[in-house]
C-alpha cells in the first residue's frame, strides 16, 4: 500500500513536570508544526518549557524553543511564531511547573519526504 502524501495530526497533552516527548516525526516523513499552544487552566502563573530534540550520532541534542516561560493564570501562550520542521526522528518535548494546570495542543502536517 502506498504511503499518504500529506497527513494532518492534532496532538494534545496534559503537561507533566517531567520532560515528555509528545510527538516524533515518523520515518519517511517530515512533521511541519503549524501551531503549538499551551493553556494554563489554573488561576496561578505556571511555567512551560518546549524543546526540539534530535539524535546526532546516538546523542540526544535538545534545543529549547521556550524555557521556563511564564503563563499567567487562565491565559495561554503560542510557543511558535512561525512553523517548525521536524525531520524523521526529531521530537517535540514539553515539561511544566504543574502536572495538572497546563494543557498543550498542536497541529502538525506530516508530509512524505
PDB file of N, CA and C in Angstrom:
ATOM      1  N   UNK A   1       0.847  -1.169   0.000  1.00  0.00           N
ATOM      2  CA  UNK A   1       0.000   0.000   0.000  1.00  0.00           C
ATOM      3  C   UNK A   1       0.899   1.239   0.000  1.00  0.00           C
ATOM      4  N   UNK A   2       0.533   2.224  -0.796  1.00  0.00           N
ATOM      5  CA  UNK A   2       1.294   3.474  -0.895  1.00  0.00           C
ATOM      6  C   UNK A   2       1.080   4.324   0.346  1.00  0.00           C
ATOM      7  N   UNK A   3       2.123   5.052   0.728  1.00  0.00           N
ATOM      8  CA  UNK A   3       2.015   5.954   1.869  1.00  0.00           C
ATOM      9  C   UNK A   3       1.286   7.223   1.461  1.00  0.00           C
ATOM     10  N   UNK A   4       0.551   7.808   2.400  1.00  0.00           N
ATOM     11  CA  UNK A   4      -0.162   9.059   2.145  1.00  0.00           C
ATOM     12  C   UNK A   4       0.841  10.190   1.961  1.00  0.00           C
ATOM     13  N   UNK A   5       0.566  11.077   1.007  1.00  0.00           N
ATOM     14  CA  UNK A   5       1.452  12.207   0.742  1.00  0.00           C
ATOM     15  C   UNK A   5       1.442  13.191   1.905  1.00  0.00           C
ATOM     16  N   UNK A   6       0.262  13.555   2.396  1.00  0.00           N
ATOM     17  CA  UNK A   6       0.115  14.507   3.499  1.00  0.00           C
ATOM     18  C   UNK A   6      -0.873  13.955   4.524  1.00  0.00           C
ATOM     19  N   UNK A   7      -0.507  14.069   5.789  1.00  0.00           N
ATOM     20  CA  UNK A   7      -1.369  13.613   6.878  1.00  0.00           C
ATOM     21  C   UNK A   7      -1.397  14.714   7.933  1.00  0.00           C
ATOM     22  N   UNK A   8      -2.586  15.198   8.285  1.00  0.00           N
ATOM     23  CA  UNK A   8      -2.722  16.197   9.340  1.00  0.00           C
ATOM     24  C   UNK A   8      -2.967  15.501  10.673  1.00  0.00           C
ATOM     25  N   UNK A   9      -2.309  15.985  11.714  1.00  0.00           N
ATOM     26  CA  UNK A   9      -2.433  15.424  13.070  1.00  0.00           C
ATOM     27  C   UNK A   9      -2.726  16.537  14.061  1.00  0.00           C
ATOM     28  N   UNK A  10      -3.524  16.229  15.055  1.00  0.00           N
ATOM     29  CA  UNK A  10      -3.704  17.100  16.209  1.00  0.00           C
ATOM     30  C   UNK A  10      -3.149  16.345  17.405  1.00  0.00           C
ATOM     31  N   UNK A  11      -2.217  16.972  18.106  1.00  0.00           N
ATOM     32  CA  UNK A  11      -1.583  16.353  19.263  1.00  0.00           C
ATOM     33  C   UNK A  11      -1.989  17.152  20.494  1.00  0.00           C
ATOM     34  N   UNK A  12      -2.536  16.469  21.493  1.00  0.00           N
ATOM     35  CA  UNK A  12      -2.887  17.125  22.753  1.00  0.00           C
ATOM     36  C   UNK A  12      -2.222  16.377  23.903  1.00  0.00           C
ATOM     37  N   UNK A  13      -1.933  17.117  24.970  1.00  0.00           N
ATOM     38  CA  UNK A  13      -1.254  16.506  26.111  1.00  0.00           C
ATOM     39  C   UNK A  13      -1.450  17.382  27.338  1.00  0.00           C
ATOM     40  N   UNK A  14      -1.785  16.770  28.468  1.00  0.00           N
ATOM     41  CA  UNK A  14      -1.708  17.474  29.742  1.00  0.00           C
ATOM     42  C   UNK A  14      -0.241  17.455  30.123  1.00  0.00           C
ATOM     43  N   UNK A  15       0.331  18.630  30.366  1.00  0.00           N
ATOM     44  CA  UNK A  15       1.770  18.765  30.582  1.00  0.00           C
ATOM     45  C   UNK A  15       2.156  18.192  31.944  1.00  0.00           C
ATOM     46  N   UNK A  16       3.265  17.494  31.983  1.00  0.00           N
ATOM     47  CA  UNK A  16       3.819  16.903  33.200  1.00  0.00           C
ATOM     48  C   UNK A  16       5.002  17.738  33.680  1.00  0.00           C
ATOM     49  N   UNK A  17       5.406  17.515  34.916  1.00  0.00           N
ATOM     50  CA  UNK A  17       6.613  18.180  35.423  1.00  0.00           C
ATOM     51  C   UNK A  17       7.874  17.496  34.892  1.00  0.00           C
ATOM     52  N   UNK A  18       7.729  16.307  34.317  1.00  0.00           N
ATOM     53  CA  UNK A  18       8.854  15.599  33.684  1.00  0.00           C
ATOM     54  C   UNK A  18       8.874  15.919  32.196  1.00  0.00           C
ATOM     55  N   UNK A  19      10.062  15.957  31.594  1.00  0.00           N
ATOM     56  CA  UNK A  19      10.167  16.150  30.149  1.00  0.00           C
ATOM     57  C   UNK A  19       9.610  14.932  29.435  1.00  0.00           C
ATOM     58  N   UNK A  20       8.633  15.184  28.554  1.00  0.00           N
ATOM     59  CA  UNK A  20       7.965  14.100  27.846  1.00  0.00           C
ATOM     60  C   UNK A  20       7.981  14.403  26.352  1.00  0.00           C
ATOM     61  N   UNK A  21       8.393  13.425  25.553  1.00  0.00           N
ATOM     62  CA  UNK A  21       8.308  13.551  24.105  1.00  0.00           C
ATOM     63  C   UNK A  21       6.866  13.346  23.687  1.00  0.00           C
ATOM     64  N   UNK A  22       6.245  14.383  23.126  1.00  0.00           N
ATOM     65  CA  UNK A  22       4.827  14.272  22.795  1.00  0.00           C
ATOM     66  C   UNK A  22       4.572  13.993  21.319  1.00  0.00           C
ATOM     67  N   UNK A  23       5.590  14.208  20.484  1.00  0.00           N
ATOM     68  CA  UNK A  23       5.445  13.904  19.062  1.00  0.00           C
ATOM     69  C   UNK A  23       6.833  13.630  18.492  1.00  0.00           C
ATOM     70  N   UNK A  24       6.919  12.580  17.685  1.00  0.00           N
ATOM     71  CA  UNK A  24       8.151  12.269  16.968  1.00  0.00           C
ATOM     72  C   UNK A  24       7.794  12.086  15.500  1.00  0.00           C
ATOM     73  N   UNK A  25       8.511  12.778  14.620  1.00  0.00           N
ATOM     74  CA  UNK A  25       8.263  12.660  13.186  1.00  0.00           C
ATOM     75  C   UNK A  25       8.589  11.236  12.741  1.00  0.00           C
ATOM     76  N   UNK A  26       7.644  10.582  12.057  1.00  0.00           N
ATOM     77  CA  UNK A  26       7.878   9.191  11.659  1.00  0.00           C
ATOM     78  C   UNK A  26       8.893   9.066  10.522  1.00  0.00           C
ATOM     79  N   UNK A  27       9.423   7.872  10.373  1.00  0.00           N
ATOM     80  CA  UNK A  27      10.378   7.574   9.307  1.00  0.00           C
ATOM     81  C   UNK A  27       9.717   7.837   7.957  1.00  0.00           C
ATOM     82  N   UNK A  28      10.434   8.550   7.097  1.00  0.00           N
ATOM     83  CA  UNK A  28       9.942   8.829   5.758  1.00  0.00           C
ATOM     84  C   UNK A  28       9.102  10.091   5.649  1.00  0.00           C
ATOM     85  N   UNK A  29       8.832  10.740   6.776  1.00  0.00           N
ATOM     86  CA  UNK A  29       8.025  11.946   6.789  1.00  0.00           C
ATOM     87  C   UNK A  29       8.768  13.082   7.487  1.00  0.00           C
ATOM     88  N   UNK A  30       8.411  14.298   7.120  1.00  0.00           N
ATOM     89  CA  UNK A  30       8.800  15.479   7.890  1.00  0.00           C
ATOM     90  C   UNK A  30       7.529  15.966   8.566  1.00  0.00           C
ATOM     91  N   UNK A  31       7.626  16.378   9.803  1.00  0.00           N
ATOM     92  CA  UNK A  31       6.486  16.945  10.522  1.00  0.00           C
ATOM     93  C   UNK A  31       6.599  18.454  10.516  1.00  0.00           C
ATOM     94  N   UNK A  32       5.591  19.132   9.992  1.00  0.00           N
ATOM     95  CA  UNK A  32       5.564  20.589   9.973  1.00  0.00           C
ATOM     96  C   UNK A  32       4.623  21.023  11.092  1.00  0.00           C
ATOM     97  N   UNK A  33       5.180  21.605  12.147  1.00  0.00           N
ATOM     98  CA  UNK A  33       4.366  22.065  13.270  1.00  0.00           C
ATOM     99  C   UNK A  33       3.764  23.404  12.872  1.00  0.00           C
ATOM    100  N   UNK A  34       2.452  23.415  12.696  1.00  0.00           N
ATOM    101  CA  UNK A  34       1.741  24.608  12.251  1.00  0.00           C
ATOM    102  C   UNK A  34       1.295  25.475  13.416  1.00  0.00           C
ATOM    103  N   UNK A  35       0.996  24.849  14.540  1.00  0.00           N
ATOM    104  CA  UNK A  35       0.512  25.535  15.736  1.00  0.00           C
ATOM    105  C   UNK A  35       1.005  24.771  16.946  1.00  0.00           C
ATOM    106  N   UNK A  36       1.444  25.483  17.963  1.00  0.00           N
ATOM    107  CA  UNK A  36       1.802  24.869  19.245  1.00  0.00           C
ATOM    108  C   UNK A  36       1.407  25.861  20.325  1.00  0.00           C
ATOM    109  N   UNK A  37       0.420  25.491  21.124  1.00  0.00           N
ATOM    110  CA  UNK A  37      -0.127  26.414  22.114  1.00  0.00           C
ATOM    111  C   UNK A  37      -0.314  25.695  23.441  1.00  0.00           C
ATOM    112  N   UNK A  38      -0.088  26.447  24.523  1.00  0.00           N
ATOM    113  CA  UNK A  38      -0.260  25.903  25.866  1.00  0.00           C
ATOM    114  C   UNK A  38      -1.255  26.777  26.607  1.00  0.00           C
ATOM    115  N   UNK A  39      -2.245  26.150  27.236  1.00  0.00           N
ATOM    116  CA  UNK A  39      -3.230  26.867  28.047  1.00  0.00           C
ATOM    117  C   UNK A  39      -2.965  26.578  29.518  1.00  0.00           C
ATOM    118  N   UNK A  40      -2.990  27.622  30.328  1.00  0.00           N
ATOM    119  CA  UNK A  40      -2.889  27.486  31.778  1.00  0.00           C
ATOM    120  C   UNK A  40      -4.311  27.573  32.318  1.00  0.00           C
ATOM    121  N   UNK A  41      -4.845  26.453  32.795  1.00  0.00           N
ATOM    122  CA  UNK A  41      -6.237  26.409  33.241  1.00  0.00           C
ATOM    123  C   UNK A  41      -6.374  26.675  34.743  1.00  0.00           C
ATOM    124  N   UNK A  42      -5.278  27.033  35.395  1.00  0.00           N
ATOM    125  CA  UNK A  42      -5.339  27.383  36.814  1.00  0.00           C
ATOM    126  C   UNK A  42      -5.356  28.902  36.967  1.00  0.00           C
ATOM    127  N   UNK A  43      -5.559  29.362  38.179  1.00  0.00           N
ATOM    128  CA  UNK A  43      -5.549  30.812  38.432  1.00  0.00           C
ATOM    129  C   UNK A  43      -4.154  31.324  38.790  1.00  0.00           C
ATOM    130  N   UNK A  44      -3.195  30.414  38.992  1.00  0.00           N
ATOM    131  CA  UNK A  44      -1.818  30.792  39.329  1.00  0.00           C
ATOM    132  C   UNK A  44      -0.932  30.770  38.085  1.00  0.00           C
ATOM    133  N   UNK A  45       0.111  31.591  38.074  1.00  0.00           N
ATOM    134  CA  UNK A  45       1.078  31.578  36.977  1.00  0.00           C
ATOM    135  C   UNK A  45       1.849  30.259  37.005  1.00  0.00           C
ATOM    136  N   UNK A  46       2.005  29.647  35.829  1.00  0.00           N
ATOM    137  CA  UNK A  46       2.766  28.405  35.662  1.00  0.00           C
ATOM    138  C   UNK A  46       3.842  28.657  34.603  1.00  0.00           C
ATOM    139  N   UNK A  47       4.845  27.796  34.551  1.00  0.00           N
ATOM    140  CA  UNK A  47       5.890  27.925  33.524  1.00  0.00           C
ATOM    141  C   UNK A  47       5.896  26.695  32.627  1.00  0.00           C
ATOM    142  N   UNK A  48       6.372  26.910  31.387  1.00  0.00           N
ATOM    143  CA  UNK A  48       6.424  25.841  30.396  1.00  0.00           C
ATOM    144  C   UNK A  48       7.783  25.847  29.710  1.00  0.00           C
ATOM    145  N   UNK A  49       8.275  24.669  29.383  1.00  0.00           N
ATOM    146  CA  UNK A  49       9.460  24.512  28.556  1.00  0.00           C
ATOM    147  C   UNK A  49       9.081  23.603  27.392  1.00  0.00           C
ATOM    148  N   UNK A  50       9.339  24.084  26.175  1.00  0.00           N
ATOM    149  CA  UNK A  50       9.092  23.304  24.960  1.00  0.00           C
ATOM    150  C   UNK A  50      10.417  23.238  24.204  1.00  0.00           C
ATOM    151  N   UNK A  51      10.801  22.024  23.806  1.00  0.00           N
ATOM    152  CA  UNK A  51      12.100  21.821  23.160  1.00  0.00           C
ATOM    153  C   UNK A  51      11.990  20.951  21.919  1.00  0.00           C
ATOM    154  N   UNK A  52      13.008  21.081  21.080  1.00  0.00           N
ATOM    155  CA  UNK A  52      13.213  20.223  19.914  1.00  0.00           C
ATOM    156  C   UNK A  52      14.343  19.275  20.294  1.00  0.00           C
ATOM    157  N   UNK A  53      14.152  17.967  20.037  1.00  0.00           N
ATOM    158  CA  UNK A  53      15.205  17.005  20.362  1.00  0.00           C
ATOM    159  C   UNK A  53      15.533  16.180  19.119  1.00  0.00           C
ATOM    160  N   UNK A  54      16.828  16.076  18.834  1.00  0.00           N
ATOM    161  CA  UNK A  54      17.309  15.297  17.693  1.00  0.00           C
ATOM    162  C   UNK A  54      18.475  14.444  18.160  1.00  0.00           C
ATOM    163  N   UNK A  55      18.520  13.219  17.674  1.00  0.00           N
ATOM    164  CA  UNK A  55      19.641  12.342  17.982  1.00  0.00           C
ATOM    165  C   UNK A  55      20.718  12.548  16.926  1.00  0.00           C
ATOM    166  N   UNK A  56      21.912  12.937  17.374  1.00  0.00           N
ATOM    167  CA  UNK A  56      23.053  13.142  16.482  1.00  0.00           C
ATOM    168  C   UNK A  56      24.134  12.151  16.886  1.00  0.00           C
ATOM    169  N   UNK A  57      24.399  11.203  16.033  1.00  0.00           N
ATOM    170  CA  UNK A  57      25.372  10.140  16.291  1.00  0.00           C
ATOM    171  C   UNK A  57      25.088   9.487  17.649  1.00  0.00           C
ATOM    172  N   UNK A  58      23.823   9.174  17.892  1.00  0.00           N
ATOM    173  CA  UNK A  58      23.418   8.493  19.111  1.00  0.00           C
ATOM    174  C   UNK A  58      23.318   9.361  20.355  1.00  0.00           C
ATOM    175  N   UNK A  59      23.572  10.661  20.233  1.00  0.00           N
ATOM    176  CA  UNK A  59      23.496  11.576  21.381  1.00  0.00           C
ATOM    177  C   UNK A  59      22.293  12.510  21.175  1.00  0.00           C
ATOM    178  N   UNK A  60      21.432  12.593  22.187  1.00  0.00           N
ATOM    179  CA  UNK A  60      20.266  13.466  22.100  1.00  0.00           C
ATOM    180  C   UNK A  60      20.696  14.917  22.266  1.00  0.00           C
ATOM    181  N   UNK A  61      20.395  15.738  21.262  1.00  0.00           N
ATOM    182  CA  UNK A  61      20.689  17.165  21.307  1.00  0.00           C
ATOM    183  C   UNK A  61      19.355  17.883  21.480  1.00  0.00           C
ATOM    184  N   UNK A  62      19.219  18.615  22.589  1.00  0.00           N
ATOM    185  CA  UNK A  62      17.986  19.312  22.906  1.00  0.00           C
ATOM    186  C   UNK A  62      18.172  20.808  22.728  1.00  0.00           C
ATOM    187  N   UNK A  63      17.249  21.422  21.988  1.00  0.00           N
ATOM    188  CA  UNK A  63      17.262  22.861  21.767  1.00  0.00           C
ATOM    189  C   UNK A  63      15.937  23.426  22.259  1.00  0.00           C
ATOM    190  N   UNK A  64      16.007  24.295  23.265  1.00  0.00           N
ATOM    191  CA  UNK A  64      14.788  24.867  23.827  1.00  0.00           C
ATOM    192  C   UNK A  64      14.176  25.878  22.864  1.00  0.00           C
ATOM    193  N   UNK A  65      12.873  25.815  22.703  1.00  0.00           N
ATOM    194  CA  UNK A  65      12.112  26.802  21.936  1.00  0.00           C
ATOM    195  C   UNK A  65      11.669  27.901  22.895  1.00  0.00           C
ATOM    196  N   UNK A  66      11.115  27.501  24.034  1.00  0.00           N
ATOM    197  CA  UNK A  66      10.877  28.396  25.174  1.00  0.00           C
ATOM    198  C   UNK A  66      11.311  27.630  26.415  1.00  0.00           C
ATOM    199  N   UNK A  67      11.908  28.342  27.378  1.00  0.00           N
ATOM    200  CA  UNK A  67      12.403  27.685  28.592  1.00  0.00           C
ATOM    201  C   UNK A  67      11.886  28.428  29.822  1.00  0.00           C
ATOM    202  N   UNK A  68      11.191  27.688  30.682  1.00  0.00           N
ATOM    203  CA  UNK A  68      10.617  28.244  31.910  1.00  0.00           C
ATOM    204  C   UNK A  68       9.846  29.532  31.631  1.00  0.00           C
ATOM    205  N   UNK A  69       9.081  29.524  30.564  1.00  0.00           N
ATOM    206  CA  UNK A  69       8.314  30.697  30.138  1.00  0.00           C
ATOM    207  C   UNK A  69       7.039  30.796  30.982  1.00  0.00           C
ATOM    208  N   UNK A  70       6.813  31.936  31.638  1.00  0.00           N
ATOM    209  CA  UNK A  70       5.626  32.064  32.480  1.00  0.00           C
ATOM    210  C   UNK A  70       4.353  32.249  31.655  1.00  0.00           C
ATOM    211  N   UNK A  71       3.290  31.600  32.118  1.00  0.00           N
ATOM    212  CA  UNK A  71       1.963  31.781  31.542  1.00  0.00           C
ATOM    213  C   UNK A  71       1.042  32.186  32.693  1.00  0.00           C
ATOM    214  N   UNK A  72       0.497  33.414  32.649  1.00  0.00           N
ATOM    215  CA  UNK A  72      -0.400  33.847  33.729  1.00  0.00           C
ATOM    216  C   UNK A  72      -1.613  32.916  33.852  1.00  0.00           C
ATOM    217  N   UNK A  73      -2.227  32.930  35.016  1.00  0.00           N
ATOM    218  CA  UNK A  73      -3.410  32.122  35.250  1.00  0.00           C
ATOM    219  C   UNK A  73      -4.498  32.430  34.245  1.00  0.00           C
ATOM    220  N   UNK A  74      -5.216  31.375  33.819  1.00  0.00           N
ATOM    221  CA  UNK A  74      -6.337  31.494  32.878  1.00  0.00           C
ATOM    222  C   UNK A  74      -5.945  32.197  31.586  1.00  0.00           C
ATOM    223  N   UNK A  75      -4.731  31.929  31.108  1.00  0.00           N
ATOM    224  CA  UNK A  75      -4.231  32.539  29.877  1.00  0.00           C
ATOM    225  C   UNK A  75      -3.577  31.438  29.042  1.00  0.00           C
ATOM    226  N   UNK A  76      -3.111  31.793  27.859  1.00  0.00           N
ATOM    227  CA  UNK A  76      -2.444  30.818  27.002  1.00  0.00           C
ATOM    228  C   UNK A  76      -1.222  31.449  26.346  1.00  0.00           C
ATOM    229  N   UNK A  77      -0.390  30.601  25.773  1.00  0.00           N
ATOM    230  CA  UNK A  77       0.839  31.041  25.122  1.00  0.00           C
ATOM    231  C   UNK A  77       1.016  30.262  23.830  1.00  0.00           C
ATOM    232  N   UNK A  78       1.253  30.980  22.736  1.00  0.00           N
ATOM    233  CA  UNK A  78       1.651  30.351  21.483  1.00  0.00           C
ATOM    234  C   UNK A  78       3.173  30.249  21.517  1.00  0.00           C
ATOM    235  N   UNK A  79       3.702  29.029  21.463  1.00  0.00           N
ATOM    236  CA  UNK A  79       5.143  28.855  21.633  1.00  0.00           C
ATOM    237  C   UNK A  79       5.916  28.970  20.324  1.00  0.00           C
ATOM    238  N   UNK A  80       5.220  29.107  19.202  1.00  0.00           N
ATOM    239  CA  UNK A  80       5.880  29.284  17.911  1.00  0.00           C
ATOM    240  C   UNK A  80       5.360  30.547  17.237  1.00  0.00           C
ATOM    241  N   UNK A  81       6.284  31.335  16.676  1.00  0.00           N
ATOM    242  CA  UNK A  81       5.884  32.493  15.882  1.00  0.00           C
ATOM    243  C   UNK A  81       5.671  32.113  14.427  1.00  0.00           C
ATOM    244  N   UNK A  82       6.243  31.007  14.009  1.00  0.00           N
ATOM    245  CA  UNK A  82       6.124  30.536  12.631  1.00  0.00           C
ATOM    246  C   UNK A  82       5.960  29.035  12.648  1.00  0.00           C
ATOM    247  N   UNK A  83       6.473  28.376  11.646  1.00  0.00           N
ATOM    248  CA  UNK A  83       6.383  26.924  11.559  1.00  0.00           C
ATOM    249  C   UNK A  83       7.709  26.297  11.982  1.00  0.00           C
ATOM    250  N   UNK A  84       7.637  25.076  12.450  1.00  0.00           N
ATOM    251  CA  UNK A  84       8.828  24.327  12.847  1.00  0.00           C
ATOM    252  C   UNK A  84       8.836  23.017  12.077  1.00  0.00           C
ATOM    253  N   UNK A  85       9.946  22.710  11.418  1.00  0.00           N
ATOM    254  CA  UNK A  85      10.082  21.467  10.660  1.00  0.00           C
ATOM    255  C   UNK A  85      10.794  20.436  11.532  1.00  0.00           C
ATOM    256  N   UNK A  86      10.172  19.286  11.688  1.00  0.00           N
ATOM    257  CA  UNK A  86      10.784  18.173  12.400  1.00  0.00           C
ATOM    258  C   UNK A  86      11.116  17.103  11.371  1.00  0.00           C
ATOM    259  N   UNK A  87      12.394  16.795  11.231  1.00  0.00           N
ATOM    260  CA  UNK A  87      12.814  15.748  10.308  1.00  0.00           C
ATOM    261  C   UNK A  87      12.530  14.392  10.944  1.00  0.00           C
ATOM    262  N   UNK A  88      12.554  13.345  10.142  1.00  0.00           N
ATOM    263  CA  UNK A  88      12.299  11.988  10.651  1.00  0.00           C
ATOM    264  C   UNK A  88      13.114  11.727  11.911  1.00  0.00           C
ATOM    265  N   UNK A  89      12.449  11.301  12.968  1.00  0.00           N
ATOM    266  CA  UNK A  89      13.114  11.003  14.233  1.00  0.00           C
ATOM    267  C   UNK A  89      13.218  12.172  15.200  1.00  0.00           C
ATOM    268  N   UNK A  90      13.029  13.411  14.725  1.00  0.00           N
ATOM    269  CA  UNK A  90      13.041  14.577  15.619  1.00  0.00           C
ATOM    270  C   UNK A  90      11.810  14.533  16.520  1.00  0.00           C
ATOM    271  N   UNK A  91      11.947  15.053  17.736  1.00  0.00           N
ATOM    272  CA  UNK A  91      10.838  15.019  18.684  1.00  0.00           C
ATOM    273  C   UNK A  91      10.555  16.404  19.256  1.00  0.00           C
ATOM    274  N   UNK A  92       9.301  16.608  19.615  1.00  0.00           N
ATOM    275  CA  UNK A  92       8.855  17.785  20.338  1.00  0.00           C
ATOM    276  C   UNK A  92       8.683  17.342  21.788  1.00  0.00           C
ATOM    277  N   UNK A  93       9.336  18.055  22.714  1.00  0.00           N
ATOM    278  CA  UNK A  93       9.390  17.653  24.123  1.00  0.00           C
ATOM    279  C   UNK A  93       8.853  18.793  24.981  1.00  0.00           C
ATOM    280  N   UNK A  94       8.022  18.468  25.992  1.00  0.00           N
ATOM    281  CA  UNK A  94       7.473  19.504  26.871  1.00  0.00           C
ATOM    282  C   UNK A  94       7.615  19.106  28.333  1.00  0.00           C
ATOM    283  N   UNK A  95       7.660  20.135  29.182  1.00  0.00           N
ATOM    284  CA  UNK A  95       7.575  19.960  30.630  1.00  0.00           C
ATOM    285  C   UNK A  95       7.073  21.275  31.205  1.00  0.00           C
ATOM    286  N   UNK A  96       6.503  21.203  32.393  1.00  0.00           N
ATOM    287  CA  UNK A  96       5.962  22.409  33.016  1.00  0.00           C
ATOM    288  C   UNK A  96       6.122  22.395  34.517  1.00  0.00           C
ATOM    289  N   UNK A  97       5.675  23.468  35.130  1.00  0.00           N
ATOM    290  CA  UNK A  97       5.792  23.597  36.575  1.00  0.00           C
ATOM    291  C   UNK A  97       4.647  22.920  37.313  1.00  0.00           C
ATOM    292  N   UNK A  98       3.646  22.451  36.583  1.00  0.00           N
ATOM    293  CA  UNK A  98       2.498  21.789  37.188  1.00  0.00           C
ATOM    294  C   UNK A  98       2.133  20.572  36.351  1.00  0.00           C
ATOM    295  N   UNK A  99       1.639  19.537  37.012  1.00  0.00           N
ATOM    296  CA  UNK A  99       1.239  18.338  36.266  1.00  0.00           C
ATOM    297  C   UNK A  99      -0.272  18.276  36.055  1.00  0.00           C
ATOM    298  N   UNK A 100      -0.989  19.358  36.348  1.00  0.00           N
ATOM    299  CA  UNK A 100      -2.446  19.361  36.160  1.00  0.00           C
ATOM    300  C   UNK A 100      -2.959  20.636  35.498  1.00  0.00           C
ATOM    301  N   UNK A 101      -2.192  21.699  35.505  1.00  0.00           N
ATOM    302  CA  UNK A 101      -2.710  23.013  35.123  1.00  0.00           C
ATOM    303  C   UNK A 101      -2.401  23.446  33.699  1.00  0.00           C
ATOM    304  N   UNK A 102      -1.502  22.751  33.012  1.00  0.00           N
ATOM    305  CA  UNK A 102      -1.080  23.168  31.677  1.00  0.00           C
ATOM    306  C   UNK A 102      -1.527  22.141  30.644  1.00  0.00           C
ATOM    307  N   UNK A 103      -2.159  22.634  29.580  1.00  0.00           N
ATOM    308  CA  UNK A 103      -2.634  21.755  28.517  1.00  0.00           C
ATOM    309  C   UNK A 103      -2.049  22.220  27.182  1.00  0.00           C
ATOM    310  N   UNK A 104      -1.450  21.279  26.465  1.00  0.00           N
ATOM    311  CA  UNK A 104      -0.775  21.556  25.199  1.00  0.00           C
ATOM    312  C   UNK A 104      -1.630  21.062  24.038  1.00  0.00           C
ATOM    313  N   UNK A 105      -1.646  21.843  22.948  1.00  0.00           N
ATOM    314  CA  UNK A 105      -2.282  21.408  21.713  1.00  0.00           C
ATOM    315  C   UNK A 105      -1.407  21.831  20.542  1.00  0.00           C
ATOM    316  N   UNK A 106      -1.343  20.974  19.542  1.00  0.00           N
ATOM    317  CA  UNK A 106      -0.518  21.265  18.375  1.00  0.00           C
ATOM    318  C   UNK A 106      -1.188  20.707  17.127  1.00  0.00           C
ATOM    319  N   UNK A 107      -1.028  21.424  16.016  1.00  0.00           N
ATOM    320  CA  UNK A 107      -1.450  20.951  14.698  1.00  0.00           C
ATOM    321  C   UNK A 107      -0.187  20.677  13.902  1.00  0.00           C
ATOM    322  N   UNK A 108      -0.116  19.480  13.350  1.00  0.00           N
ATOM    323  CA  UNK A 108       1.092  19.051  12.639  1.00  0.00           C
ATOM    324  C   UNK A 108       0.701  18.462  11.284  1.00  0.00           C
ATOM    325  N   UNK A 109       1.435  18.862  10.264  1.00  0.00           N
ATOM    326  CA  UNK A 109       1.282  18.297   8.926  1.00  0.00           C
ATOM    327  C   UNK A 109       2.463  17.366   8.694  1.00  0.00           C
ATOM    328  N   UNK A 110       2.180  16.083   8.530  1.00  0.00           N
ATOM    329  CA  UNK A 110       3.220  15.132   8.154  1.00  0.00           C
ATOM    330  C   UNK A 110       3.222  15.036   6.641  1.00  0.00           C
ATOM    331  N   UNK A 111       4.383  15.292   6.051  1.00  0.00           N
ATOM    332  CA  UNK A 111       4.483  15.263   4.596  1.00  0.00           C
ATOM    333  C   UNK A 111       5.564  14.269   4.182  1.00  0.00           C
ATOM    334  N   UNK A 112       5.244  13.470   3.182  1.00  0.00           N
ATOM    335  CA  UNK A 112       6.139  12.430   2.706  1.00  0.00           C
ATOM    336  C   UNK A 112       7.417  13.045   2.157  1.00  0.00           C
ATOM    337  N   UNK A 113       8.562  12.485   2.545  1.00  0.00           N
ATOM    338  CA  UNK A 113       9.865  13.004   2.074  1.00  0.00           C
ATOM    339  C   UNK A 113      10.268  12.327   0.780  1.00  0.00           C
TER     340      UNK A 113
END
